[in-house]
PDB file of N, CA and C in Angstrom:
ATOM      1  N   MET A   1    -136.645 -20.877 -11.508  1.00  0.00           N
ATOM      2  CA  MET A   1    -137.512 -21.146 -12.665  1.00  0.00           C
ATOM      3  C   MET A   1    -137.032 -20.564 -13.967  1.00  0.00           C
ATOM      4  N   ALA A   2    -136.264 -19.557 -13.760  1.00  0.00           N
ATOM      5  CA  ALA A   2    -135.480 -18.937 -15.106  1.00  0.00           C
ATOM      6  C   ALA A   2    -134.491 -19.900 -15.365  1.00  0.00           C
ATOM      7  N   ASN A   3    -133.675 -20.521 -14.510  1.00  0.00           N
ATOM      8  CA  ASN A   3    -132.608 -21.402 -14.701  1.00  0.00           C
ATOM      9  C   ASN A   3    -133.131 -22.541 -15.548  1.00  0.00           C
ATOM     10  N   GLU A   4    -134.322 -23.192 -15.140  1.00  0.00           N
ATOM     11  CA  GLU A   4    -134.903 -24.343 -15.811  1.00  0.00           C
ATOM     12  C   GLU A   4    -135.330 -24.022 -17.188  1.00  0.00           C
ATOM     13  N   ASP A   5    -135.919 -22.905 -17.314  1.00  0.00           N
ATOM     14  CA  ASP A   5    -136.298 -22.500 -18.705  1.00  0.00           C
ATOM     15  C   ASP A   5    -135.137 -22.201 -19.519  1.00  0.00           C
ATOM     16  N   SER A   6    -134.005 -21.808 -19.034  1.00  0.00           N
ATOM     17  CA  SER A   6    -132.744 -21.526 -19.862  1.00  0.00           C
ATOM     18  C   SER A   6    -132.274 -22.894 -20.221  1.00  0.00           C
ATOM     19  N   ASP A   7    -132.171 -23.675 -19.350  1.00  0.00           N
ATOM     20  CA  ASP A   7    -131.727 -25.058 -19.643  1.00  0.00           C
ATOM     21  C   ASP A   7    -132.499 -25.983 -20.637  1.00  0.00           C
ATOM     22  N   ARG A   8    -133.802 -25.701 -20.557  1.00  0.00           N
ATOM     23  CA  ARG A   8    -134.782 -26.383 -21.415  1.00  0.00           C
ATOM     24  C   ARG A   8    -134.664 -25.711 -22.711  1.00  0.00           C
ATOM     25  N   LEU A   9    -134.518 -24.485 -22.804  1.00  0.00           N
ATOM     26  CA  LEU A   9    -134.327 -23.730 -24.016  1.00  0.00           C
ATOM     27  C   LEU A   9    -132.990 -24.267 -24.677  1.00  0.00           C
ATOM     28  N   GLY A  10    -131.978 -24.275 -24.028  1.00  0.00           N
ATOM     29  CA  GLY A  10    -130.672 -24.699 -24.510  1.00  0.00           C
ATOM     30  C   GLY A  10    -130.715 -26.243 -25.093  1.00  0.00           C
ATOM     31  N   MET A  11    -131.571 -27.075 -24.451  1.00  0.00           N
ATOM     32  CA  MET A  11    -131.652 -28.471 -24.953  1.00  0.00           C
ATOM     33  C   MET A  11    -132.421 -28.455 -26.178  1.00  0.00           C
ATOM     34  N   LEU A  12    -133.577 -27.593 -26.285  1.00  0.00           N
ATOM     35  CA  LEU A  12    -134.209 -27.470 -27.496  1.00  0.00           C
ATOM     36  C   LEU A  12    -133.569 -27.056 -28.638  1.00  0.00           C
ATOM     37  N   GLU A  13    -132.613 -25.986 -28.354  1.00  0.00           N
ATOM     38  CA  GLU A  13    -131.873 -25.372 -29.408  1.00  0.00           C
ATOM     39  C   GLU A  13    -130.736 -26.492 -29.854  1.00  0.00           C
ATOM     40  N   THR A  14    -130.277 -27.331 -29.042  1.00  0.00           N
ATOM     41  CA  THR A  14    -129.189 -28.458 -29.403  1.00  0.00           C
ATOM     42  C   THR A  14    -129.987 -29.306 -30.278  1.00  0.00           C
ATOM     43  N   ARG A  15    -131.193 -29.778 -29.826  1.00  0.00           N
ATOM     44  CA  ARG A  15    -131.979 -30.793 -30.604  1.00  0.00           C
ATOM     45  C   ARG A  15    -132.348 -30.253 -31.951  1.00  0.00           C
ATOM     46  N   TYR A  16    -132.601 -29.008 -32.030  1.00  0.00           N
ATOM     47  CA  TYR A  16    -133.064 -28.470 -33.350  1.00  0.00           C
ATOM     48  C   TYR A  16    -131.844 -28.353 -34.235  1.00  0.00           C
ATOM     49  N   ALA A  17    -130.612 -27.967 -33.773  1.00  0.00           N
ATOM     50  CA  ALA A  17    -129.446 -27.840 -34.552  1.00  0.00           C
ATOM     51  C   ALA A  17    -129.164 -29.436 -35.199  1.00  0.00           C
ATOM     52  N   PHE A  18    -129.250 -30.295 -34.294  1.00  0.00           N
ATOM     53  CA  PHE A  18    -129.072 -31.718 -34.791  1.00  0.00           C
ATOM     54  C   PHE A  18    -129.898 -31.971 -35.813  1.00  0.00           C
ATOM     55  N   LEU A  19    -131.226 -31.835 -35.580  1.00  0.00           N
ATOM     56  CA  LEU A  19    -132.083 -32.202 -36.611  1.00  0.00           C
ATOM     57  C   LEU A  19    -131.962 -31.469 -37.964  1.00  0.00           C
ATOM     58  N   GLU A  20    -131.499 -30.158 -37.790  1.00  0.00           N
ATOM     59  CA  GLU A  20    -131.237 -29.359 -38.895  1.00  0.00           C
ATOM     60  C   GLU A  20    -130.069 -30.056 -39.762  1.00  0.00           C
ATOM     61  N   ARG A  21    -129.015 -30.449 -39.178  1.00  0.00           N
ATOM     62  CA  ARG A  21    -127.819 -31.086 -39.725  1.00  0.00           C
ATOM     63  C   ARG A  21    -128.375 -32.404 -40.277  1.00  0.00           C
ATOM     64  N   HIS A  22    -129.043 -33.238 -39.519  1.00  0.00           N
ATOM     65  CA  HIS A  22    -129.598 -34.603 -40.040  1.00  0.00           C
ATOM     66  C   HIS A  22    -130.400 -34.426 -41.411  1.00  0.00           C
ATOM     67  N   VAL A  23    -131.069 -33.446 -41.455  1.00  0.00           N
ATOM     68  CA  VAL A  23    -131.993 -33.075 -42.629  1.00  0.00           C
ATOM     69  C   VAL A  23    -131.069 -32.762 -43.762  1.00  0.00           C
ATOM     70  N   ALA A  24    -130.090 -31.898 -43.533  1.00  0.00           N
ATOM     71  CA  ALA A  24    -129.192 -31.475 -44.659  1.00  0.00           C
ATOM     72  C   ALA A  24    -128.351 -32.808 -45.170  1.00  0.00           C
ATOM     73  N   GLU A  25    -127.883 -33.661 -44.229  1.00  0.00           N
ATOM     74  CA  GLU A  25    -127.277 -34.828 -44.701  1.00  0.00           C
ATOM     75  C   GLU A  25    -128.106 -35.828 -45.463  1.00  0.00           C
ATOM     76  N   GLN A  26    -129.416 -35.861 -44.971  1.00  0.00           N
ATOM     77  CA  GLN A  26    -130.182 -36.723 -45.666  1.00  0.00           C
ATOM     78  C   GLN A  26    -130.546 -36.072 -47.215  1.00  0.00           C
ATOM     79  N   ASP A  27    -130.581 -34.827 -47.256  1.00  0.00           N
ATOM     80  CA  ASP A  27    -130.949 -34.253 -48.591  1.00  0.00           C
ATOM     81  C   ASP A  27    -129.680 -34.483 -49.351  1.00  0.00           C
ATOM     82  N   ARG A  28    -128.350 -34.320 -48.971  1.00  0.00           N
ATOM     83  CA  ARG A  28    -127.298 -34.703 -49.851  1.00  0.00           C
ATOM     84  C   ARG A  28    -127.364 -36.198 -50.200  1.00  0.00           C
ATOM     85  N   ALA A  29    -127.654 -37.056 -49.311  1.00  0.00           N
ATOM     86  CA  ALA A  29    -127.725 -38.488 -49.645  1.00  0.00           C
ATOM     87  C   ALA A  29    -128.802 -38.757 -50.779  1.00  0.00           C
ATOM     88  N   MET A  30    -129.917 -38.009 -50.527  1.00  0.00           N
ATOM     89  CA  MET A  30    -130.995 -38.389 -51.562  1.00  0.00           C
ATOM     90  C   MET A  30    -130.573 -37.815 -52.866  1.00  0.00           C
ATOM     91  N   LEU A  31    -129.913 -36.619 -52.878  1.00  0.00           N
ATOM     92  CA  LEU A  31    -129.480 -36.109 -54.197  1.00  0.00           C
ATOM     93  C   LEU A  31    -128.449 -37.044 -54.891  1.00  0.00           C
ATOM     94  N   GLU A  32    -127.487 -37.613 -54.070  1.00  0.00           N
ATOM     95  CA  GLU A  32    -126.590 -38.480 -54.589  1.00  0.00           C
ATOM     96  C   GLU A  32    -127.107 -39.786 -55.128  1.00  0.00           C
ATOM     97  N   MET A  33    -128.239 -40.372 -54.436  1.00  0.00           N
ATOM     98  CA  MET A  33    -128.914 -41.607 -54.924  1.00  0.00           C
ATOM     99  C   MET A  33    -129.676 -41.156 -56.150  1.00  0.00           C
ATOM    100  N   ALA A  34    -130.288 -39.963 -56.221  1.00  0.00           N
ATOM    101  CA  ALA A  34    -131.031 -39.736 -57.397  1.00  0.00           C
ATOM    102  C   ALA A  34    -129.905 -39.682 -58.659  1.00  0.00           C
ATOM    103  N   LYS A  35    -128.836 -39.075 -58.466  1.00  0.00           N
ATOM    104  CA  LYS A  35    -127.936 -38.941 -59.494  1.00  0.00           C
ATOM    105  C   LYS A  35    -127.410 -40.380 -59.844  1.00  0.00           C
ATOM    106  N   ARG A  36    -127.134 -41.328 -58.866  1.00  0.00           N
ATOM    107  CA  ARG A  36    -126.811 -42.581 -59.161  1.00  0.00           C
ATOM    108  C   ARG A  36    -127.803 -43.383 -59.828  1.00  0.00           C
ATOM    109  N   ILE A  37    -129.096 -43.165 -59.562  1.00  0.00           N
ATOM    110  CA  ILE A  37    -130.163 -43.843 -60.226  1.00  0.00           C
ATOM    111  C   ILE A  37    -130.345 -43.408 -61.682  1.00  0.00           C
ATOM    112  N   ASP A  38    -130.129 -42.119 -61.996  1.00  0.00           N
ATOM    113  CA  ASP A  38    -130.184 -41.427 -63.310  1.00  0.00           C
ATOM    114  C   ASP A  38    -129.060 -42.212 -64.016  1.00  0.00           C
ATOM    115  N   GLN A  39    -127.756 -42.159 -63.543  1.00  0.00           N
ATOM    116  CA  GLN A  39    -126.682 -42.858 -64.251  1.00  0.00           C
ATOM    117  C   GLN A  39    -126.906 -44.417 -64.490  1.00  0.00           C
ATOM    118  N   MET A  40    -127.569 -45.089 -63.526  1.00  0.00           N
ATOM    119  CA  MET A  40    -127.847 -46.465 -63.828  1.00  0.00           C
ATOM    120  C   MET A  40    -129.038 -46.671 -64.890  1.00  0.00           C
ATOM    121  N   GLU A  41    -130.189 -45.850 -64.900  1.00  0.00           N
ATOM    122  CA  GLU A  41    -131.109 -45.846 -65.917  1.00  0.00           C
ATOM    123  C   GLU A  41    -130.487 -45.527 -67.232  1.00  0.00           C
ATOM    124  N   ALA A  42    -129.525 -44.510 -67.435  1.00  0.00           N
ATOM    125  CA  ALA A  42    -128.977 -44.310 -68.753  1.00  0.00           C
ATOM    126  C   ALA A  42    -127.991 -45.477 -69.206  1.00  0.00           C
ATOM    127  N   ARG A  43    -127.403 -46.193 -68.318  1.00  0.00           N
ATOM    128  CA  ARG A  43    -126.555 -47.399 -68.565  1.00  0.00           C
ATOM    129  C   ARG A  43    -127.604 -48.402 -69.008  1.00  0.00           C
ATOM    130  N   LEU A  44    -128.598 -48.578 -68.114  1.00  0.00           N
ATOM    131  CA  LEU A  44    -129.509 -49.718 -68.623  1.00  0.00           C
ATOM    132  C   LEU A  44    -130.179 -49.569 -69.955  1.00  0.00           C
ATOM    133  N   LYS A  45    -130.493 -48.282 -70.396  1.00  0.00           N
ATOM    134  CA  LYS A  45    -131.034 -47.912 -71.693  1.00  0.00           C
ATOM    135  C   LYS A  45    -129.891 -48.276 -72.700  1.00  0.00           C
ATOM    136  N   GLN A  46    -128.694 -47.903 -72.334  1.00  0.00           N
ATOM    137  CA  GLN A  46    -127.347 -48.350 -73.361  1.00  0.00           C
ATOM    138  C   GLN A  46    -127.540 -49.761 -73.525  1.00  0.00           C
ATOM    139  N   LEU A  47    -127.510 -50.395 -72.475  1.00  0.00           N
ATOM    140  CA  LEU A  47    -127.395 -51.955 -72.528  1.00  0.00           C
ATOM    141  C   LEU A  47    -128.577 -52.569 -73.335  1.00  0.00           C
ATOM    142  N   HIS A  48    -129.712 -52.094 -73.018  1.00  0.00           N
ATOM    143  CA  HIS A  48    -130.909 -52.575 -73.735  1.00  0.00           C
ATOM    144  C   HIS A  48    -130.813 -52.271 -75.101  1.00  0.00           C
ATOM    145  N   GLY A  49    -130.299 -51.118 -75.568  1.00  0.00           N
ATOM    146  CA  GLY A  49    -130.135 -50.798 -76.908  1.00  0.00           C
ATOM    147  C   GLY A  49    -129.162 -51.700 -77.647  1.00  0.00           C
ATOM    148  N   ARG A  50    -128.069 -52.063 -76.821  1.00  0.00           N
ATOM    149  CA  ARG A  50    -127.084 -53.038 -77.642  1.00  0.00           C
ATOM    150  C   ARG A  50    -127.826 -54.557 -77.713  1.00  0.00           C
ATOM    151  N   VAL A  51    -128.512 -54.854 -76.771  1.00  0.00           N
ATOM    152  CA  VAL A  51    -129.226 -56.211 -76.749  1.00  0.00           C
ATOM    153  C   VAL A  51    -130.158 -56.232 -78.004  1.00  0.00           C
ATOM    154  N   GLU A  52    -130.952 -54.986 -78.112  1.00  0.00           N
ATOM    155  CA  GLU A  52    -132.007 -54.976 -79.219  1.00  0.00           C
ATOM    156  C   GLU A  52    -131.236 -54.995 -80.617  1.00  0.00           C
ATOM    157  N   ARG A  53    -129.892 -54.310 -80.688  1.00  0.00           N
ATOM    158  CA  ARG A  53    -129.435 -54.400 -82.079  1.00  0.00           C
ATOM    159  C   ARG A  53    -128.627 -55.567 -82.238  1.00  0.00           C
ATOM    160  N   GLY A  54    -128.265 -56.327 -81.179  1.00  0.00           N
ATOM    161  CA  GLY A  54    -127.616 -57.575 -81.252  1.00  0.00           C
ATOM    162  C   GLY A  54    -126.053 -57.294 -80.658  1.00  0.00           C
ATOM    163  N   SER A  55    -125.310 -58.308 -80.640  1.00  0.00           N
ATOM    164  CA  SER A  55    -124.037 -58.026 -80.111  1.00  0.00           C
ATOM    165  C   SER A  55    -123.065 -57.351 -81.085  1.00  0.00           C
ATOM    166  N   GLU A  56    -122.488 -56.370 -80.733  1.00  0.00           N
ATOM    167  CA  GLU A  56    -121.845 -55.567 -81.697  1.00  0.00           C
ATOM    168  C   GLU A  56    -120.209 -55.890 -81.455  1.00  0.00           C
ATOM    169  N   GLY A  57    -119.909 -56.535 -80.397  1.00  0.00           N
ATOM    170  CA  GLY A  57    -118.515 -56.792 -80.036  1.00  0.00           C
ATOM    171  C   GLY A  57    -118.125 -58.223 -80.644  1.00  0.00           C
ATOM    172  N   PRO A  58    -116.661 -58.492 -80.644  1.00  0.00           N
ATOM    173  CA  PRO A  58    -116.343 -59.858 -81.102  1.00  0.00           C
ATOM    174  C   PRO A  58    -117.096 -61.138 -80.404  1.00  0.00           C
ATOM    175  N   THR A  59    -117.463 -62.181 -81.113  1.00  0.00           N
ATOM    176  CA  THR A  59    -117.953 -63.169 -80.224  1.00  0.00           C
ATOM    177  C   THR A  59    -116.854 -64.168 -80.068  1.00  0.00           C
ATOM    178  N   ILE A  60    -117.147 -64.738 -78.892  1.00  0.00           N
ATOM    179  CA  ILE A  60    -116.070 -65.715 -78.412  1.00  0.00           C
ATOM    180  C   ILE A  60    -116.466 -67.078 -78.882  1.00  0.00           C
ATOM    181  N   PRO A  61    -115.665 -67.646 -79.536  1.00  0.00           N
ATOM    182  CA  PRO A  61    -115.947 -68.994 -80.026  1.00  0.00           C
ATOM    183  C   PRO A  61    -116.106 -70.067 -78.835  1.00  0.00           C
ATOM    184  N   ASP A  62    -116.997 -70.911 -78.994  1.00  0.00           N
ATOM    185  CA  ASP A  62    -117.343 -71.873 -77.973  1.00  0.00           C
ATOM    186  C   ASP A  62    -116.460 -73.203 -78.203  1.00  0.00           C
ATOM    187  N   GLU A  63    -115.085 -72.970 -77.956  1.00  0.00           N
ATOM    188  CA  GLU A  63    -114.223 -74.013 -78.261  1.00  0.00           C
ATOM    189  C   GLU A  63    -113.365 -74.463 -76.939  1.00  0.00           C
ATOM    190  N   ARG A  64    -112.999 -75.557 -76.718  1.00  0.00           N
ATOM    191  CA  ARG A  64    -112.232 -75.932 -75.612  1.00  0.00           C
ATOM    192  C   ARG A  64    -110.857 -75.243 -75.659  1.00  0.00           C
ATOM    193  N   PRO A  65    -110.378 -74.659 -74.717  1.00  0.00           N
ATOM    194  CA  PRO A  65    -108.880 -74.199 -74.597  1.00  0.00           C
ATOM    195  C   PRO A  65    -108.116 -75.249 -74.950  1.00  0.00           C
ATOM    196  N   PRO A  66    -106.809 -74.812 -75.539  1.00  0.00           N
ATOM    197  CA  PRO A  66    -105.787 -75.750 -75.981  1.00  0.00           C
ATOM    198  C   PRO A  66    -105.161 -76.782 -74.899  1.00  0.00           C
ATOM    199  N   HIS A  67    -105.277 -76.192 -73.624  1.00  0.00           N
ATOM    200  CA  HIS A  67    -104.591 -77.106 -72.716  1.00  0.00           C
ATOM    201  C   HIS A  67    -105.604 -78.217 -72.047  1.00  0.00           C
ATOM    202  N   TYR A  68    -106.655 -78.439 -72.859  1.00  0.00           N
ATOM    203  CA  TYR A  68    -107.572 -79.601 -72.438  1.00  0.00           C
ATOM    204  C   TYR A  68    -107.196 -80.808 -73.200  1.00  0.00           C
TER     205      TYR A  68
END
């Protein structure tokens, strides 16, 4: 009986360790995703501002290239 309890306890400890590692990996992934979302939101605001102000860059003429 003691051997069965020991085996069962060992399996539970193994599963618990796996779950702890899995949660830590998910936390890292969530932090990375949150950071990327923040960067994308900042970039979106920047692009939205450029659209609101109008195109600041050089305009490309709507002409046919010389090889036509």
